[in-house]
N, C-alpha and C. Protein backbone atom coordinates (compact mmCIF):
# COMPACT_ATOMS: atom_id res chain seq x y z
N MET A 1 81.50 -117.24 -113.15
CA MET A 1 82.33 -118.34 -112.86
C MET A 1 81.88 -119.35 -112.02
N GLU A 2 81.64 -118.87 -110.70
CA GLU A 2 81.33 -120.16 -109.63
C GLU A 2 80.03 -120.96 -109.96
N GLU A 3 79.28 -120.36 -110.77
CA GLU A 3 78.08 -120.97 -111.28
C GLU A 3 78.49 -121.97 -112.32
N ARG A 4 79.29 -121.75 -113.14
CA ARG A 4 79.77 -122.73 -114.19
C ARG A 4 80.68 -124.05 -113.58
N VAL A 5 81.43 -123.65 -112.33
CA VAL A 5 82.11 -124.65 -111.88
C VAL A 5 81.16 -125.63 -111.17
N LEU A 6 79.96 -125.17 -110.61
CA LEU A 6 78.93 -126.13 -109.95
C LEU A 6 78.25 -126.82 -110.95
N GLU A 7 78.09 -126.32 -112.25
CA GLU A 7 77.48 -127.05 -113.16
C GLU A 7 78.42 -128.39 -113.67
N LEU A 8 79.91 -127.94 -113.75
CA LEU A 8 80.76 -128.87 -114.37
C LEU A 8 80.65 -130.11 -113.27
N LYS A 9 80.83 -129.53 -112.03
CA LYS A 9 80.97 -130.72 -110.93
C LYS A 9 79.50 -131.52 -110.84
N ALA A 10 78.37 -131.04 -111.13
CA ALA A 10 77.23 -131.67 -111.30
C ALA A 10 77.25 -132.67 -112.51
N GLU A 11 77.81 -132.23 -113.56
CA GLU A 11 77.90 -133.15 -114.57
C GLU A 11 78.84 -134.41 -114.37
N ILE A 12 79.88 -134.18 -113.64
CA ILE A 12 80.69 -135.39 -113.38
C ILE A 12 79.94 -136.51 -112.39
N LEU A 13 79.26 -135.68 -111.39
CA LEU A 13 78.62 -136.52 -110.30
C LEU A 13 77.46 -137.22 -111.11
N LYS A 14 76.81 -136.49 -112.12
CA LYS A 14 75.63 -137.13 -112.95
C LYS A 14 76.20 -138.51 -113.64
N ALA A 15 77.33 -138.26 -114.26
CA ALA A 15 78.21 -139.24 -115.18
C ALA A 15 78.40 -140.50 -114.35
N LEU A 16 78.71 -140.33 -113.02
CA LEU A 16 78.75 -141.15 -111.87
C LEU A 16 77.64 -142.10 -111.36
N ALA A 17 76.52 -141.25 -111.52
CA ALA A 17 75.34 -141.67 -110.93
C ALA A 17 74.61 -142.71 -111.63
N GLN A 18 75.01 -143.93 -111.97
CA GLN A 18 74.45 -144.74 -112.77
C GLN A 18 75.08 -146.14 -112.62
N PRO A 19 74.75 -147.19 -112.04
CA PRO A 19 75.18 -148.40 -111.84
C PRO A 19 75.96 -149.07 -112.98
N THR A 20 75.58 -149.04 -114.30
CA THR A 20 76.52 -149.70 -115.33
C THR A 20 77.78 -149.00 -115.58
N ARG A 21 77.45 -147.46 -115.34
CA ARG A 21 78.78 -146.68 -115.47
C ARG A 21 79.58 -146.92 -114.32
N LEU A 22 79.21 -147.16 -113.09
CA LEU A 22 80.15 -147.66 -112.01
C LEU A 22 80.78 -148.86 -112.10
N LYS A 23 80.08 -149.97 -112.72
CA LYS A 23 80.65 -151.15 -113.11
C LYS A 23 81.74 -151.14 -114.14
N ILE A 24 81.49 -150.22 -114.90
CA ILE A 24 82.76 -150.10 -116.03
C ILE A 24 83.82 -149.39 -115.27
N LEU A 25 83.62 -148.30 -114.39
CA LEU A 25 84.85 -147.78 -113.91
C LEU A 25 85.59 -148.78 -112.85
N GLU A 26 84.74 -149.51 -112.21
CA GLU A 26 85.42 -150.41 -111.32
C GLU A 26 86.23 -151.58 -112.08
N LEU A 27 85.84 -151.98 -113.40
CA LEU A 27 86.48 -152.85 -114.26
C LEU A 27 87.87 -152.12 -114.82
N LEU A 28 87.59 -150.78 -114.78
CA LEU A 28 89.05 -149.92 -115.33
C LEU A 28 89.90 -149.68 -114.25
N ARG A 29 89.55 -150.11 -112.98
CA ARG A 29 90.40 -149.63 -111.84
C ARG A 29 91.78 -150.27 -112.01
N ASN A 30 91.95 -151.46 -112.55
CA ASN A 30 93.21 -152.19 -112.93
C ASN A 30 93.85 -151.88 -114.27
N GLY A 31 93.38 -150.97 -114.82
CA GLY A 31 93.88 -150.48 -116.21
C GLY A 31 92.93 -150.37 -117.34
N GLU A 32 93.60 -150.16 -118.49
CA GLU A 32 92.92 -150.09 -119.74
C GLU A 32 92.29 -151.62 -119.99
N ARG A 33 91.02 -151.57 -120.57
CA ARG A 33 90.28 -152.63 -121.03
C ARG A 33 89.65 -152.49 -122.40
N CYS A 34 89.49 -153.44 -123.03
CA CYS A 34 88.90 -153.58 -124.46
C CYS A 34 87.22 -153.69 -124.08
N ILE A 35 86.49 -152.82 -124.92
CA ILE A 35 85.12 -152.80 -124.99
C ILE A 35 84.58 -154.33 -125.06
N CYS A 36 85.41 -155.26 -125.86
CA CYS A 36 85.26 -156.67 -125.94
C CYS A 36 85.27 -157.35 -124.64
N GLU A 37 86.01 -156.95 -123.57
CA GLU A 37 86.19 -157.53 -122.35
C GLU A 37 84.86 -156.82 -121.55
N ILE A 38 84.80 -155.74 -121.49
CA ILE A 38 83.83 -155.03 -120.65
C ILE A 38 82.41 -155.64 -120.63
N VAL A 39 81.96 -155.72 -121.99
CA VAL A 39 80.69 -156.14 -122.21
C VAL A 39 80.28 -157.54 -121.65
N PRO A 40 81.09 -158.61 -121.60
CA PRO A 40 80.70 -159.76 -121.08
C PRO A 40 80.90 -159.77 -119.53
N ALA A 41 82.01 -158.88 -119.07
CA ALA A 41 82.30 -158.92 -117.62
C ALA A 41 81.25 -158.11 -116.85
N ILE A 42 80.40 -157.37 -117.54
CA ILE A 42 79.38 -156.67 -116.72
C ILE A 42 78.08 -157.23 -117.36
N ASN A 43 78.01 -158.18 -118.03
CA ASN A 43 76.73 -158.71 -118.66
C ASN A 43 75.87 -157.86 -119.43
N GLY A 44 76.40 -157.06 -120.15
CA GLY A 44 75.75 -155.97 -120.90
C GLY A 44 75.60 -156.41 -122.37
N GLU A 45 75.04 -155.26 -123.08
CA GLU A 45 74.86 -155.27 -124.53
C GLU A 45 75.90 -154.18 -125.02
N GLN A 46 76.45 -154.66 -126.11
CA GLN A 46 77.59 -153.75 -126.84
C GLN A 46 77.10 -152.31 -126.92
N SER A 47 75.90 -152.00 -127.43
CA SER A 47 75.47 -150.73 -127.85
C SER A 47 75.31 -150.05 -126.46
N ASN A 48 74.60 -150.67 -125.67
CA ASN A 48 74.46 -149.99 -124.18
C ASN A 48 75.83 -149.53 -123.57
N ILE A 49 76.61 -150.46 -123.65
CA ILE A 49 77.74 -150.18 -122.90
C ILE A 49 78.66 -149.03 -123.77
N SER A 50 78.81 -149.11 -125.08
CA SER A 50 79.23 -148.06 -125.91
C SER A 50 78.65 -146.68 -125.51
N ARG A 51 77.25 -146.62 -125.24
CA ARG A 51 76.64 -145.26 -124.95
C ARG A 51 77.21 -144.83 -123.56
N HIS A 52 77.26 -145.75 -122.80
CA HIS A 52 77.90 -145.42 -121.29
C HIS A 52 79.29 -144.97 -121.37
N ILE A 53 79.97 -145.52 -122.10
CA ILE A 53 81.58 -144.91 -122.46
C ILE A 53 81.54 -143.76 -123.29
N SER A 54 80.63 -143.63 -124.15
CA SER A 54 80.48 -142.25 -124.99
C SER A 54 80.33 -141.00 -123.85
N MET A 55 79.14 -141.40 -122.82
CA MET A 55 78.71 -140.56 -122.10
C MET A 55 79.96 -140.13 -120.93
N MET A 56 80.81 -141.27 -120.64
CA MET A 56 81.81 -140.73 -119.83
C MET A 56 82.93 -140.18 -120.36
N GLN A 57 83.27 -140.58 -121.64
CA GLN A 57 84.02 -139.74 -122.45
C GLN A 57 83.85 -138.37 -122.62
N LYS A 58 82.59 -138.09 -123.03
CA LYS A 58 81.99 -136.53 -122.84
C LYS A 58 82.27 -135.79 -121.70
N ASN A 59 82.24 -136.57 -120.43
CA ASN A 59 82.51 -135.86 -119.45
C ASN A 59 84.01 -136.05 -118.81
N HIS A 60 84.86 -136.47 -119.65
CA HIS A 60 86.34 -136.60 -119.58
C HIS A 60 86.86 -137.54 -118.38
N LEU A 61 85.90 -138.53 -118.21
CA LEU A 61 86.11 -139.64 -117.17
C LEU A 61 87.00 -140.67 -117.71
N VAL A 62 86.76 -140.88 -119.05
CA VAL A 62 87.51 -142.05 -119.57
C VAL A 62 88.07 -141.62 -121.12
N THR A 63 89.00 -142.25 -121.61
CA THR A 63 89.50 -142.00 -123.17
C THR A 63 89.43 -143.33 -123.52
N THR A 64 89.30 -143.22 -125.07
CA THR A 64 89.35 -144.47 -125.73
C THR A 64 90.20 -144.26 -126.89
N ARG A 65 90.78 -145.57 -127.31
CA ARG A 65 91.67 -145.41 -128.48
C ARG A 65 91.56 -146.75 -129.30
N LYS A 66 91.84 -146.60 -130.51
CA LYS A 66 91.64 -147.98 -131.56
C LYS A 66 92.92 -148.76 -131.18
N ASP A 67 92.99 -150.06 -131.26
CA ASP A 67 94.04 -151.08 -131.26
C ASP A 67 93.55 -152.07 -132.30
N GLY A 68 94.00 -151.89 -133.53
CA GLY A 68 93.46 -152.55 -134.60
C GLY A 68 91.97 -152.50 -134.56
N VAL A 69 91.08 -153.72 -134.63
CA VAL A 69 89.89 -153.57 -134.51
C VAL A 69 89.17 -153.52 -133.03
N LYS A 70 90.00 -153.49 -132.04
CA LYS A 70 89.64 -153.15 -130.76
C LYS A 70 89.39 -151.80 -130.21
N VAL A 71 88.47 -151.71 -129.46
CA VAL A 71 88.46 -150.06 -128.83
C VAL A 71 88.79 -150.36 -127.51
N MET A 72 89.81 -149.67 -127.00
CA MET A 72 90.47 -149.66 -125.68
C MET A 72 89.80 -148.60 -124.83
N VAL A 73 89.53 -148.86 -123.65
CA VAL A 73 89.00 -147.87 -122.83
C VAL A 73 89.82 -147.70 -121.45
N LYS A 74 90.18 -146.52 -121.12
CA LYS A 74 90.84 -146.39 -119.77
C LYS A 74 90.45 -145.01 -119.10
N VAL A 75 90.69 -144.98 -117.84
CA VAL A 75 90.27 -143.88 -117.00
C VAL A 75 91.22 -142.75 -117.21
N LYS A 76 90.51 -141.61 -117.50
CA LYS A 76 91.48 -140.50 -117.76
C LYS A 76 92.30 -139.99 -116.72
N ASP A 77 91.32 -139.80 -115.49
CA ASP A 77 92.11 -139.26 -114.22
C ASP A 77 91.90 -140.31 -113.30
N PRO A 78 92.97 -141.14 -112.78
CA PRO A 78 92.77 -142.27 -111.79
C PRO A 78 92.15 -141.61 -110.22
N GLU A 79 92.25 -140.27 -110.06
CA GLU A 79 91.73 -139.76 -109.10
C GLU A 79 90.31 -139.96 -108.73
N ILE A 80 89.73 -140.29 -109.92
CA ILE A 80 88.16 -140.48 -109.81
C ILE A 80 87.79 -141.63 -108.88
N PHE A 81 88.80 -142.63 -108.67
CA PHE A 81 88.81 -143.82 -107.78
C PHE A 81 88.69 -143.28 -106.26
N GLU A 82 89.42 -142.02 -106.08
CA GLU A 82 89.29 -141.49 -104.67
C GLU A 82 88.01 -141.24 -104.40
N ILE A 83 87.06 -140.62 -105.32
CA ILE A 83 85.79 -140.26 -105.20
C ILE A 83 84.83 -141.66 -104.83
N LEU A 84 85.09 -142.76 -105.66
CA LEU A 84 84.39 -143.81 -105.50
C LEU A 84 84.91 -144.66 -104.14
N ASN A 85 86.07 -144.49 -103.81
CA ASN A 85 86.49 -145.11 -102.44
C ASN A 85 86.01 -144.20 -101.30
N LYS A 86 85.58 -143.14 -101.44
CA LYS A 86 85.07 -142.31 -100.20
C LYS A 86 83.56 -142.53 -100.16
N VAL A 87 83.03 -142.74 -101.29
CA VAL A 87 81.56 -143.24 -101.31
C VAL A 87 81.48 -144.55 -100.52
N SER A 88 82.27 -145.49 -100.88
CA SER A 88 82.32 -146.75 -100.22
C SER A 88 82.51 -146.71 -98.81
N PHE A 89 83.37 -145.88 -98.36
CA PHE A 89 83.74 -145.68 -96.99
C PHE A 89 82.36 -145.04 -96.24
N ILE A 90 81.84 -144.07 -96.87
CA ILE A 90 80.70 -143.49 -96.24
C ILE A 90 79.53 -144.49 -96.12
N LEU A 91 79.27 -145.36 -97.11
CA LEU A 91 78.47 -146.43 -97.19
C LEU A 91 78.47 -147.51 -96.05
N LYS A 92 79.93 -148.00 -95.89
CA LYS A 92 80.27 -148.75 -94.87
C LYS A 92 79.86 -147.99 -93.45
N ARG A 93 80.18 -147.05 -93.30
CA ARG A 93 79.75 -146.25 -92.01
C ARG A 93 78.37 -146.31 -91.89
N GLN A 94 77.68 -145.92 -92.86
CA GLN A 94 76.06 -146.02 -92.75
C GLN A 94 75.52 -147.20 -92.44
N MET A 95 76.25 -148.35 -92.89
CA MET A 95 75.62 -149.74 -92.77
C MET A 95 76.05 -150.14 -91.15
N LYS A 96 77.06 -149.58 -90.85
CA LYS A 96 77.54 -150.05 -89.35
C LYS A 96 76.32 -149.16 -88.45
N GLU A 97 76.22 -147.97 -88.51
CA GLU A 97 75.23 -147.38 -87.83
C GLU A 97 73.97 -147.84 -87.98
N GLN A 98 73.49 -148.38 -89.04
CA GLN A 98 72.02 -148.95 -89.25
C GLN A 98 72.21 -150.36 -88.38
N GLU A 99 73.18 -151.14 -88.34
CA GLU A 99 73.35 -152.43 -87.70
C GLU A 99 73.22 -152.00 -86.29
N LYS A 100 73.83 -151.08 -85.88
CA LYS A 100 73.73 -150.78 -84.17
C LYS A 100 72.30 -150.55 -83.97
N LEU A 101 71.67 -149.64 -84.68
CA LEU A 101 70.27 -149.29 -84.53
C LEU A 101 69.42 -150.53 -84.55
N PHE A 102 69.50 -151.43 -85.48
CA PHE A 102 68.73 -152.67 -85.60
C PHE A 102 69.07 -153.66 -84.36
N SER A 103 70.33 -153.60 -83.76
CA SER A 103 70.63 -154.59 -82.67
C SER A 103 69.96 -154.27 -81.58
N HIS A 104 69.45 -152.97 -81.45
CA HIS A 104 68.71 -152.58 -80.35
C HIS A 104 67.15 -152.93 -80.14
N ILE A 105 66.87 -153.55 -81.16
CA ILE A 105 65.36 -153.75 -81.29
C ILE A 105 65.08 -154.99 -80.73
C-alpha cells in the first residue's frame, strides 16, 4: 500500500513539473476559465494546451465541463495552490540566501 501512495504522489508532482501546466494552474487560481481564454493568455496552441489539460485531468488536478461550444476548466482541489505557494516561498528564501552569498563577493 505504501508503495502505491508514493507512486500516486509522484504522479501529482510530475503533473505539476511542467511550466505550461503551472501557467494554466496560475490562470485558474481565480476560478474557472474557458480553454478559449487560456490559449491566448499563455500564448500557446490549442492542441498543446488541450493535451496539458487532459494530463492534469487524468491526475485529478482539474475538471472540465461543456458550456455550449466552450470547454470550461477549473481546479478540482484548490489546496493544490498551497503546494504552489510553498514552492514560491522556498524559491524566495533560496534567492535571498543567494543574494547574501553574492553580496560578500
